[in-house]
Amino acid sequence: MLARTLRLAIALQTLVGAALGFWLGFRFAPTWTLLTMVFTALAVPVAVALLAVLYSCSVSRSDEPAALWWRSLAGECWAAIQVFLLRQPWALAAPQTQIGVGGQAKIAVLLVHGYGCNYRLWDAIAAALRAQGHALLAINLEPVFTSIDDYALGVETAVQALLQQTGQQRLALVGHSMGGLAMRAWMRRFGTAQVARAITLGTPHVGTQINPVIATPNALQMAWQSPWLQDLAAAETEATRSLFRVALTPQDNIVFPQRAQTLQGVRPVVFEGLGHLQLCTDAKVIAWVCSELALL
């Protein structure tokens, strides 16, 4: 569903770009009209993605070193192009379990994406995990706009399928952004008996102050210190929280205040100079996730 929506958006932006290029070429350089159309058709979708990143980085900027902010801005621009233009729109096949290819089989991993994303977000992390011998399943959270509680059943279905296919008794979960909250909502409903580790990347554990483009149920639940988040935290025990490992970046352009985003009693691992999407593409973060799962 999301992939289809993204493809439609890219198609519309490309058409707008081509029309703009035709007008510019026809008016100012008729012999270059075709080349101008091709250039603007490609440039408009890229420009839309970059402007969205620039806006989010501007409104979320915290009192951190300027050099790290500029580094995160540049990296997040490239990550946005990768994720929203080159990967997620082309998620044509349904998510499937992937078997590890590196040596002895290790604990199975369920990958849970965040708001406005799909399973192709995990391409880089999935490749690294498989190379280390982890079987994995990267799921789609659907529908895109609903209560986070509604995702619990889908996570449970994926958990049981992955355990059955691998023959394992427990698994690890890795969630990005809202995906970490979906994992917590699943644990509240179905328990933690089958969880060996839960890793979250850039998850708004106490909510974000960014204004959502659309006030959907899940966006409202992720608002700063929302009642839903407070109820979720109140339902968790110390034993549940001990399963978590939390990673954040002080330059997160979507989830802020950035350094507040952890669970009670859990010291976060901090990655400097990265944006929100980069937590799923950066080599240092991927290496950390692999090292945490290698301990199981």
C-alpha atoms as a PDB file:
ATOM      1  CA  MET A   1       0.000   0.000   0.000  1.00  0.00           C
ATOM      2  CA  LEU A   2       2.689   2.509   0.999  1.00  0.00           C
ATOM      3  CA  ALA A   3       4.895   1.508  -1.929  1.00  0.00           C
ATOM      4  CA  ARG A   4       2.040   2.168  -4.346  1.00  0.00           C
ATOM      5  CA  THR A   5       1.396   5.569  -2.772  1.00  0.00           C
ATOM      6  CA  LEU A   6       5.062   6.506  -3.036  1.00  0.00           C
ATOM      7  CA  ARG A   7       5.206   5.436  -6.676  1.00  0.00           C
ATOM      8  CA  LEU A   8       2.161   7.575  -7.428  1.00  0.00           C
ATOM      9  CA  ALA A   9       3.719  10.558  -5.657  1.00  0.00           C
ATOM     10  CA  ILE A  10       6.960  10.135  -7.592  1.00  0.00           C
ATOM     11  CA  ALA A  11       5.036   9.849 -10.868  1.00  0.00           C
ATOM     12  CA  LEU A  12       3.106  13.055 -10.179  1.00  0.00           C
ATOM     13  CA  GLN A  13       6.250  14.931  -9.170  1.00  0.00           C
ATOM     14  CA  THR A  14       8.011  13.676 -12.298  1.00  0.00           C
ATOM     15  CA  LEU A  15       5.164  14.887 -14.497  1.00  0.00           C
ATOM     16  CA  VAL A  16       5.222  18.285 -12.828  1.00  0.00           C
ATOM     17  CA  GLY A  17       8.971  18.425 -13.368  1.00  0.00           C
ATOM     18  CA  ALA A  18       8.658  17.472 -17.020  1.00  0.00           C
ATOM     19  CA  ALA A  19       5.991  20.126 -17.573  1.00  0.00           C
ATOM     20  CA  LEU A  20       8.194  22.722 -15.889  1.00  0.00           C
ATOM     21  CA  GLY A  21      11.133  21.658 -18.043  1.00  0.00           C
ATOM     22  CA  PHE A  22       9.045  21.904 -21.206  1.00  0.00           C
ATOM     23  CA  TRP A  23       7.976  25.440 -20.324  1.00  0.00           C
ATOM     24  CA  LEU A  24      11.520  26.533 -19.474  1.00  0.00           C
ATOM     25  CA  GLY A  25      13.010  24.962 -22.570  1.00  0.00           C
ATOM     26  CA  PHE A  26      10.304  26.243 -24.912  1.00  0.00           C
ATOM     27  CA  ARG A  27      10.615  29.765 -23.526  1.00  0.00           C
ATOM     28  CA  PHE A  28      14.367  30.168 -23.076  1.00  0.00           C
ATOM     29  CA  ALA A  29      16.202  27.445 -25.038  1.00  0.00           C
ATOM     30  CA  PRO A  30      14.010  25.599 -27.556  1.00  0.00           C
ATOM     31  CA  THR A  31      16.840  23.419 -28.853  1.00  0.00           C
ATOM     32  CA  TRP A  32      17.431  22.108 -25.321  1.00  0.00           C
ATOM     33  CA  THR A  33      13.786  21.487 -24.443  1.00  0.00           C
ATOM     34  CA  LEU A  34      14.019  17.689 -24.265  1.00  0.00           C
ATOM     35  CA  LEU A  35      17.147  17.764 -22.115  1.00  0.00           C
ATOM     36  CA  THR A  36      15.568  20.350 -19.837  1.00  0.00           C
ATOM     37  CA  MET A  37      12.459  18.202 -19.444  1.00  0.00           C
ATOM     38  CA  VAL A  38      14.534  15.158 -18.467  1.00  0.00           C
ATOM     39  CA  PHE A  39      16.562  17.159 -15.954  1.00  0.00           C
ATOM     40  CA  THR A  40      13.596  18.791 -14.205  1.00  0.00           C
ATOM     41  CA  ALA A  41      11.574  15.556 -14.257  1.00  0.00           C
ATOM     42  CA  LEU A  42      14.348  13.906 -12.252  1.00  0.00           C
ATOM     43  CA  ALA A  43      15.112  16.960 -10.142  1.00  0.00           C
ATOM     44  CA  VAL A  44      11.646  17.645  -8.743  1.00  0.00           C
ATOM     45  CA  PRO A  45      11.227  14.380  -6.743  1.00  0.00           C
ATOM     46  CA  VAL A  46      14.742  14.789  -5.381  1.00  0.00           C
ATOM     47  CA  ALA A  47      14.071  18.430  -4.481  1.00  0.00           C
ATOM     48  CA  VAL A  48      10.865  17.497  -2.628  1.00  0.00           C
ATOM     49  CA  ALA A  49      12.742  14.913  -0.541  1.00  0.00           C
ATOM     50  CA  LEU A  50      15.582  17.313   0.222  1.00  0.00           C
ATOM     51  CA  LEU A  51      13.272  20.166   1.203  1.00  0.00           C
ATOM     52  CA  ALA A  52      11.428  17.865   3.616  1.00  0.00           C
ATOM     53  CA  VAL A  53      14.732  16.919   5.255  1.00  0.00           C
ATOM     54  CA  LEU A  54      15.871  20.548   5.423  1.00  0.00           C
ATOM     55  CA  TYR A  55      12.625  21.570   7.107  1.00  0.00           C
ATOM     56  CA  SER A  56      12.698  18.765   9.665  1.00  0.00           C
ATOM     57  CA  CYS A  57      16.365  19.352  10.463  1.00  0.00           C
ATOM     58  CA  SER A  58      15.672  23.064  10.975  1.00  0.00           C
ATOM     59  CA  VAL A  59      12.717  22.690  13.354  1.00  0.00           C
ATOM     60  CA  SER A  60      14.369  19.917  15.383  1.00  0.00           C
ATOM     61  CA  ARG A  61      17.791  21.521  15.791  1.00  0.00           C
ATOM     62  CA  SER A  62      19.001  21.299  19.374  1.00  0.00           C
ATOM     63  CA  ASP A  63      21.811  22.938  21.319  1.00  0.00           C
ATOM     64  CA  GLU A  64      24.442  20.609  19.912  1.00  0.00           C
ATOM     65  CA  PRO A  65      27.650  21.370  17.954  1.00  0.00           C
ATOM     66  CA  ALA A  66      26.907  22.986  14.593  1.00  0.00           C
ATOM     67  CA  ALA A  67      29.354  20.739  12.737  1.00  0.00           C
ATOM     68  CA  LEU A  68      27.414  17.659  13.821  1.00  0.00           C
ATOM     69  CA  TRP A  69      24.153  19.246  12.667  1.00  0.00           C
ATOM     70  CA  TRP A  70      25.597  19.960   9.221  1.00  0.00           C
ATOM     71  CA  ARG A  71      26.939  16.413   9.032  1.00  0.00           C
ATOM     72  CA  SER A  72      23.549  14.963   9.917  1.00  0.00           C
ATOM     73  CA  LEU A  73      21.814  17.215   7.376  1.00  0.00           C
ATOM     74  CA  ALA A  74      24.035  16.009   4.542  1.00  0.00           C
ATOM     75  CA  GLY A  75      23.763  12.375   5.569  1.00  0.00           C
ATOM     76  CA  GLU A  76      20.020  12.518   6.073  1.00  0.00           C
ATOM     77  CA  CYS A  77      19.522  14.020   2.608  1.00  0.00           C
ATOM     78  CA  TRP A  78      21.246  11.028   1.030  1.00  0.00           C
ATOM     79  CA  ALA A  79      19.399   8.605   3.319  1.00  0.00           C
ATOM     80  CA  ALA A  80      16.058  10.161   2.327  1.00  0.00           C
ATOM     81  CA  ILE A  81      16.852   9.717  -1.368  1.00  0.00           C
ATOM     82  CA  GLN A  82      17.822   6.093  -0.779  1.00  0.00           C
ATOM     83  CA  VAL A  83      14.812   5.226   1.361  1.00  0.00           C
ATOM     84  CA  PHE A  84      11.979   7.204  -0.202  1.00  0.00           C
ATOM     85  CA  LEU A  85      13.016   7.255  -3.863  1.00  0.00           C
ATOM     86  CA  LEU A  86      15.201   4.197  -4.487  1.00  0.00           C
ATOM     87  CA  ARG A  87      13.967   1.537  -2.048  1.00  0.00           C
ATOM     88  CA  GLN A  88      10.528   1.827  -0.503  1.00  0.00           C
ATOM     89  CA  PRO A  89       8.529   2.675  -3.648  1.00  0.00           C
ATOM     90  CA  TRP A  90       9.791  -0.533  -5.262  1.00  0.00           C
ATOM     91  CA  ALA A  91       8.786  -2.955  -2.499  1.00  0.00           C
ATOM     92  CA  LEU A  92       6.758  -5.024  -4.953  1.00  0.00           C
ATOM     93  CA  ALA A  93       6.915  -8.421  -3.262  1.00  0.00           C
ATOM     94  CA  ALA A  94       5.391  -9.272   0.108  1.00  0.00           C
ATOM     95  CA  PRO A  95       7.815  -9.532   3.060  1.00  0.00           C
ATOM     96  CA  GLN A  96       9.264 -13.013   3.479  1.00  0.00           C
ATOM     97  CA  THR A  97      11.535 -14.741   5.960  1.00  0.00           C
ATOM     98  CA  GLN A  98      15.171 -14.620   4.880  1.00  0.00           C
ATOM     99  CA  ILE A  99      17.567 -17.296   6.082  1.00  0.00           C
ATOM    100  CA  GLY A 100      20.999 -16.381   7.409  1.00  0.00           C
ATOM    101  CA  VAL A 101      23.905 -17.123   5.118  1.00  0.00           C
ATOM    102  CA  GLY A 102      26.909 -16.660   7.381  1.00  0.00           C
ATOM    103  CA  GLY A 103      28.120 -19.703   9.284  1.00  0.00           C
ATOM    104  CA  GLN A 104      26.271 -21.105  12.283  1.00  0.00           C
ATOM    105  CA  ALA A 105      22.615 -20.143  12.619  1.00  0.00           C
ATOM    106  CA  LYS A 106      22.005 -17.451  15.228  1.00  0.00           C
ATOM    107  CA  ILE A 107      18.928 -16.034  16.894  1.00  0.00           C
ATOM    108  CA  ALA A 108      16.101 -15.023  14.561  1.00  0.00           C
ATOM    109  CA  VAL A 109      15.348 -11.303  14.212  1.00  0.00           C
ATOM    110  CA  LEU A 110      12.086  -9.480  13.516  1.00  0.00           C
ATOM    111  CA  LEU A 111      12.550  -6.024  11.969  1.00  0.00           C
ATOM    112  CA  VAL A 112       9.765  -3.478  12.584  1.00  0.00           C
ATOM    113  CA  HIS A 113       9.807  -0.224  10.619  1.00  0.00           C
ATOM    114  CA  GLY A 114       8.408   3.146  11.642  1.00  0.00           C
ATOM    115  CA  TYR A 115       5.834   5.702  10.551  1.00  0.00           C
ATOM    116  CA  GLY A 116       5.495   6.206   6.804  1.00  0.00           C
ATOM    117  CA  CYS A 117       7.915   3.405   5.951  1.00  0.00           C
ATOM    118  CA  ASN A 118       7.888  -0.217   4.812  1.00  0.00           C
ATOM    119  CA  TYR A 119      10.169  -3.234   5.032  1.00  0.00           C
ATOM    120  CA  ARG A 120      12.662  -1.915   2.448  1.00  0.00           C
ATOM    121  CA  LEU A 121      13.870   0.530   5.104  1.00  0.00           C
ATOM    122  CA  TRP A 122      15.894  -2.394   6.503  1.00  0.00           C
ATOM    123  CA  ASP A 123      17.898  -3.319   3.397  1.00  0.00           C
ATOM    124  CA  ALA A 124      21.320  -2.449   4.846  1.00  0.00           C
ATOM    125  CA  ILE A 125      20.736  -3.889   8.317  1.00  0.00           C
ATOM    126  CA  ALA A 126      19.081  -7.022   6.916  1.00  0.00           C
ATOM    127  CA  ALA A 127      22.083  -7.762   4.692  1.00  0.00           C
ATOM    128  CA  ALA A 128      24.480  -7.413   7.647  1.00  0.00           C
ATOM    129  CA  LEU A 129      22.378  -9.613   9.914  1.00  0.00           C
ATOM    130  CA  ARG A 130      22.008 -12.345   7.328  1.00  0.00           C
ATOM    131  CA  ALA A 131      25.755 -12.313   6.746  1.00  0.00           C
ATOM    132  CA  GLN A 132      26.204 -13.061  10.451  1.00  0.00           C
ATOM    133  CA  GLY A 133      23.847 -16.040  10.315  1.00  0.00           C
ATOM    134  CA  HIS A 134      20.594 -14.479  11.544  1.00  0.00           C
ATOM    135  CA  ALA A 135      17.335 -15.526   9.912  1.00  0.00           C
ATOM    136  CA  LEU A 136      15.062 -12.516   9.769  1.00  0.00           C
ATOM    137  CA  LEU A 137      11.691 -11.181   8.771  1.00  0.00           C
ATOM    138  CA  ALA A 138      11.096  -7.504   8.013  1.00  0.00           C
ATOM    139  CA  ILE A 139       7.371  -6.832   8.226  1.00  0.00           C
ATOM    140  CA  ASN A 140       5.041  -4.120   6.957  1.00  0.00           C
ATOM    141  CA  LEU A 141       2.916  -2.312   9.549  1.00  0.00           C
ATOM    142  CA  GLU A 142      -0.488  -1.845   7.949  1.00  0.00           C
ATOM    143  CA  PRO A 143      -2.682   0.063   7.621  1.00  0.00           C
ATOM    144  CA  VAL A 144      -0.330   3.024   7.491  1.00  0.00           C
ATOM    145  CA  PHE A 145      -2.568   5.308   9.553  1.00  0.00           C
ATOM    146  CA  THR A 146      -4.134   3.642  12.577  1.00  0.00           C
ATOM    147  CA  SER A 147      -3.604   3.197  16.318  1.00  0.00           C
ATOM    148  CA  ILE A 148      -0.246   1.718  17.245  1.00  0.00           C
ATOM    149  CA  ASP A 149      -2.145  -0.843  19.332  1.00  0.00           C
ATOM    150  CA  ASP A 150      -3.611  -2.197  16.094  1.00  0.00           C
ATOM    151  CA  TYR A 151      -0.146  -3.318  14.980  1.00  0.00           C
ATOM    152  CA  ALA A 152       0.237  -5.729  17.909  1.00  0.00           C
ATOM    153  CA  LEU A 153      -1.659  -8.531  16.185  1.00  0.00           C
ATOM    154  CA  GLY A 154       0.429  -8.204  13.030  1.00  0.00           C
ATOM    155  CA  VAL A 155       3.623  -8.331  15.079  1.00  0.00           C
ATOM    156  CA  GLU A 156       2.337 -11.419  16.906  1.00  0.00           C
ATOM    157  CA  THR A 157       1.538 -13.159  13.613  1.00  0.00           C
ATOM    158  CA  ALA A 158       5.036 -12.393  12.330  1.00  0.00           C
ATOM    159  CA  VAL A 159       6.672 -13.539  15.580  1.00  0.00           C
ATOM    160  CA  GLN A 160       4.934 -16.905  15.489  1.00  0.00           C
ATOM    161  CA  ALA A 161       5.655 -17.386  11.797  1.00  0.00           C
ATOM    162  CA  LEU A 162       9.344 -16.606  12.247  1.00  0.00           C
ATOM    163  CA  LEU A 163       9.702 -18.906  15.249  1.00  0.00           C
ATOM    164  CA  GLN A 164       7.909 -21.736  13.449  1.00  0.00           C
ATOM    165  CA  GLN A 165      10.000 -21.342  10.299  1.00  0.00           C
ATOM    166  CA  THR A 166      13.292 -21.278  12.197  1.00  0.00           C
ATOM    167  CA  GLY A 167      12.443 -23.777  14.922  1.00  0.00           C
ATOM    168  CA  GLN A 168      13.622 -21.384  17.621  1.00  0.00           C
ATOM    169  CA  GLN A 169      11.981 -20.679  20.970  1.00  0.00           C
ATOM    170  CA  ARG A 170      12.863 -17.004  21.294  1.00  0.00           C
ATOM    171  CA  LEU A 171      13.788 -14.162  18.989  1.00  0.00           C
ATOM    172  CA  ALA A 172      15.110 -10.609  18.961  1.00  0.00           C
ATOM    173  CA  LEU A 173      13.188  -7.588  17.743  1.00  0.00           C
ATOM    174  CA  VAL A 174      14.668  -4.444  16.198  1.00  0.00           C
ATOM    175  CA  GLY A 175      12.431  -1.415  15.709  1.00  0.00           C
ATOM    176  CA  HIS A 176      13.024   1.978  14.126  1.00  0.00           C
ATOM    177  CA  SER A 177      11.048   5.022  15.266  1.00  0.00           C
ATOM    178  CA  MET A 178       7.359   4.055  15.674  1.00  0.00           C
ATOM    179  CA  GLY A 179       8.391   0.425  15.168  1.00  0.00           C
ATOM    180  CA  GLY A 180       9.862   0.430  18.655  1.00  0.00           C
ATOM    181  CA  LEU A 181       6.503   1.534  20.048  1.00  0.00           C
ATOM    182  CA  ALA A 182       4.726  -1.173  18.060  1.00  0.00           C
ATOM    183  CA  MET A 183       7.065  -3.679  19.704  1.00  0.00           C
ATOM    184  CA  ARG A 184       6.222  -2.306  23.142  1.00  0.00           C
ATOM    185  CA  ALA A 185       2.488  -2.400  22.355  1.00  0.00           C
ATOM    186  CA  TRP A 186       2.879  -6.040  21.278  1.00  0.00           C
ATOM    187  CA  MET A 187       4.691  -6.889  24.510  1.00  0.00           C
ATOM    188  CA  ARG A 188       1.949  -5.258  26.553  1.00  0.00           C
ATOM    189  CA  ARG A 189      -0.670  -7.402  24.833  1.00  0.00           C
ATOM    190  CA  PHE A 190       1.163 -10.709  24.291  1.00  0.00           C
ATOM    191  CA  GLY A 191       3.940 -10.714  26.891  1.00  0.00           C
ATOM    192  CA  THR A 192       7.703 -11.124  26.675  1.00  0.00           C
ATOM    193  CA  ALA A 193       8.259 -14.874  27.118  1.00  0.00           C
ATOM    194  CA  GLN A 194       9.555 -15.234  23.552  1.00  0.00           C
ATOM    195  CA  VAL A 195      11.756 -12.112  23.579  1.00  0.00           C
ATOM    196  CA  ALA A 196      15.513 -12.446  23.997  1.00  0.00           C
ATOM    197  CA  ARG A 197      16.287  -8.815  23.156  1.00  0.00           C
ATOM    198  CA  ALA A 198      14.477  -5.694  21.959  1.00  0.00           C
ATOM    199  CA  ILE A 199      16.507  -2.990  20.211  1.00  0.00           C
ATOM    200  CA  THR A 200      15.074   0.409  19.292  1.00  0.00           C
ATOM    201  CA  LEU A 201      16.590   3.007  16.968  1.00  0.00           C
ATOM    202  CA  GLY A 202      15.333   6.586  17.147  1.00  0.00           C
ATOM    203  CA  THR A 203      12.086   5.577  18.858  1.00  0.00           C
ATOM    204  CA  PRO A 204       9.989   8.364  20.454  1.00  0.00           C
ATOM    205  CA  HIS A 205       9.735   6.604  23.802  1.00  0.00           C
ATOM    206  CA  VAL A 206       8.524   9.786  25.482  1.00  0.00           C
ATOM    207  CA  GLY A 207       7.107  11.391  22.342  1.00  0.00           C
ATOM    208  CA  THR A 208       8.234  13.912  19.774  1.00  0.00           C
ATOM    209  CA  GLN A 209       7.485  17.615  19.470  1.00  0.00           C
ATOM    210  CA  ILE A 210       7.433  17.647  15.681  1.00  0.00           C
ATOM    211  CA  ASN A 211       4.065  18.605  14.224  1.00  0.00           C
ATOM    212  CA  PRO A 212       2.641  15.757  12.118  1.00  0.00           C
ATOM    213  CA  VAL A 213       1.605  16.526   8.558  1.00  0.00           C
ATOM    214  CA  ILE A 214      -1.618  14.593   9.177  1.00  0.00           C
ATOM    215  CA  ALA A 215      -3.106  14.155  12.651  1.00  0.00           C
ATOM    216  CA  THR A 216      -3.518  10.392  12.333  1.00  0.00           C
ATOM    217  CA  PRO A 217      -4.140   8.190  15.400  1.00  0.00           C
ATOM    218  CA  ASN A 218      -0.573   6.876  15.462  1.00  0.00           C
ATOM    219  CA  ALA A 219       0.907  10.341  14.955  1.00  0.00           C
ATOM    220  CA  LEU A 220      -1.106  11.694  17.903  1.00  0.00           C
ATOM    221  CA  GLN A 221      -0.004   8.779  20.073  1.00  0.00           C
ATOM    222  CA  MET A 222       3.614   9.717  19.379  1.00  0.00           C
ATOM    223  CA  ALA A 223       3.154  13.319  20.507  1.00  0.00           C
ATOM    224  CA  TRP A 224       5.378  14.555  23.310  1.00  0.00           C
ATOM    225  CA  GLN A 225       4.358  12.920  26.613  1.00  0.00           C
ATOM    226  CA  SER A 226       1.018  11.778  25.168  1.00  0.00           C
ATOM    227  CA  PRO A 227      -1.422   9.939  27.448  1.00  0.00           C
ATOM    228  CA  TRP A 228      -0.971   6.816  25.315  1.00  0.00           C
ATOM    229  CA  LEU A 229       2.790   6.815  25.884  1.00  0.00           C
ATOM    230  CA  GLN A 230       2.350   7.390  29.594  1.00  0.00           C
ATOM    231  CA  ASP A 231      -0.083   4.470  29.855  1.00  0.00           C
ATOM    232  CA  LEU A 232       2.303   2.266  27.886  1.00  0.00           C
ATOM    233  CA  ALA A 233       5.199   3.089  30.205  1.00  0.00           C
ATOM    234  CA  ALA A 234       3.070   2.543  33.310  1.00  0.00           C
ATOM    235  CA  ALA A 235       2.185  -0.977  32.127  1.00  0.00           C
ATOM    236  CA  GLU A 236       5.832  -2.052  31.765  1.00  0.00           C
ATOM    237  CA  THR A 237       7.801  -3.791  34.490  1.00  0.00           C
ATOM    238  CA  GLU A 238      11.488  -3.526  35.249  1.00  0.00           C
ATOM    239  CA  ALA A 239      11.924  -7.004  33.786  1.00  0.00           C
ATOM    240  CA  THR A 240      10.389  -5.868  30.500  1.00  0.00           C
ATOM    241  CA  ARG A 241      12.577  -2.781  30.320  1.00  0.00           C
ATOM    242  CA  SER A 242      15.678  -4.877  30.984  1.00  0.00           C
ATOM    243  CA  LEU A 243      15.172  -6.554  27.600  1.00  0.00           C
ATOM    244  CA  PHE A 244      15.681  -3.252  25.768  1.00  0.00           C
ATOM    245  CA  ARG A 245      18.722  -1.654  24.225  1.00  0.00           C
ATOM    246  CA  VAL A 246      18.086   1.896  23.023  1.00  0.00           C
ATOM    247  CA  ALA A 247      19.990   3.904  20.416  1.00  0.00           C
ATOM    248  CA  LEU A 248      19.419   7.576  19.645  1.00  0.00           C
ATOM    249  CA  THR A 249      21.081  10.489  17.900  1.00  0.00           C
ATOM    250  CA  PRO A 250      21.207  14.057  19.262  1.00  0.00           C
ATOM    251  CA  GLN A 251      20.679  15.264  15.681  1.00  0.00           C
ATOM    252  CA  ASP A 252      17.462  13.299  15.131  1.00  0.00           C
ATOM    253  CA  ASN A 253      15.359  15.453  12.809  1.00  0.00           C
ATOM    254  CA  ILE A 254      12.048  13.703  13.532  1.00  0.00           C
ATOM    255  CA  VAL A 255      12.148  12.595  17.172  1.00  0.00           C
ATOM    256  CA  PHE A 256      12.995  15.348  19.656  1.00  0.00           C
ATOM    257  CA  PRO A 257      13.888  16.364  22.366  1.00  0.00           C
ATOM    258  CA  GLN A 258      16.495  13.864  21.283  1.00  0.00           C
ATOM    259  CA  ARG A 259      18.388  12.899  24.430  1.00  0.00           C
ATOM    260  CA  ALA A 260      15.176  12.242  26.375  1.00  0.00           C
ATOM    261  CA  GLN A 261      14.156   9.312  24.179  1.00  0.00           C
ATOM    262  CA  THR A 262      14.782   6.272  26.341  1.00  0.00           C
ATOM    263  CA  LEU A 263      13.068   4.036  28.874  1.00  0.00           C
ATOM    264  CA  GLN A 264      13.302   4.283  32.633  1.00  0.00           C
ATOM    265  CA  GLY A 265      16.492   2.614  33.815  1.00  0.00           C
ATOM    266  CA  VAL A 266      17.869   2.097  30.278  1.00  0.00           C
ATOM    267  CA  ARG A 267      20.991   4.046  29.375  1.00  0.00           C
ATOM    268  CA  PRO A 268      20.864   4.838  25.654  1.00  0.00           C
ATOM    269  CA  VAL A 269      23.712   4.399  23.208  1.00  0.00           C
ATOM    270  CA  VAL A 270      24.290   7.754  21.510  1.00  0.00           C
ATOM    271  CA  PHE A 271      25.386   8.107  17.882  1.00  0.00           C
ATOM    272  CA  GLU A 272      26.532  11.634  17.093  1.00  0.00           C
ATOM    273  CA  GLY A 273      26.042  13.384  13.782  1.00  0.00           C
ATOM    274  CA  LEU A 274      23.283  11.204  12.337  1.00  0.00           C
ATOM    275  CA  GLY A 275      19.742  11.965  11.252  1.00  0.00           C
ATOM    276  CA  HIS A 276      16.613   9.894  11.859  1.00  0.00           C
ATOM    277  CA  LEU A 277      16.773   7.622   8.801  1.00  0.00           C
ATOM    278  CA  GLN A 278      20.538   7.242   9.099  1.00  0.00           C
ATOM    279  CA  LEU A 279      20.018   5.123  12.191  1.00  0.00           C
ATOM    280  CA  CYS A 280      19.041   2.385   9.717  1.00  0.00           C
ATOM    281  CA  THR A 281      21.776   3.031   7.152  1.00  0.00           C
ATOM    282  CA  ASP A 282      24.891   4.091   9.054  1.00  0.00           C
ATOM    283  CA  ALA A 283      27.696   1.524   9.317  1.00  0.00           C
ATOM    284  CA  LYS A 284      28.420   2.286  12.993  1.00  0.00           C
ATOM    285  CA  VAL A 285      24.800   1.722  13.998  1.00  0.00           C
ATOM    286  CA  ILE A 286      24.584  -1.477  11.959  1.00  0.00           C
ATOM    287  CA  ALA A 287      27.763  -2.769  13.591  1.00  0.00           C
ATOM    288  CA  TRP A 288      26.340  -1.988  17.041  1.00  0.00           C
ATOM    289  CA  VAL A 289      23.079  -3.820  16.300  1.00  0.00           C
ATOM    290  CA  CYS A 290      25.026  -6.840  15.039  1.00  0.00           C
ATOM    291  CA  SER A 291      27.254  -6.824  18.135  1.00  0.00           C
ATOM    292  CA  GLU A 292      24.266  -6.696  20.484  1.00  0.00           C
ATOM    293  CA  LEU A 293      22.602  -9.632  18.753  1.00  0.00           C
ATOM    294  CA  ALA A 294      25.839 -11.607  18.593  1.00  0.00           C
ATOM    295  CA  LEU A 295      25.757 -11.789  22.392  1.00  0.00           C
ATOM    296  CA  LEU A 296      22.547 -13.849  22.386  1.00  0.00           C
END
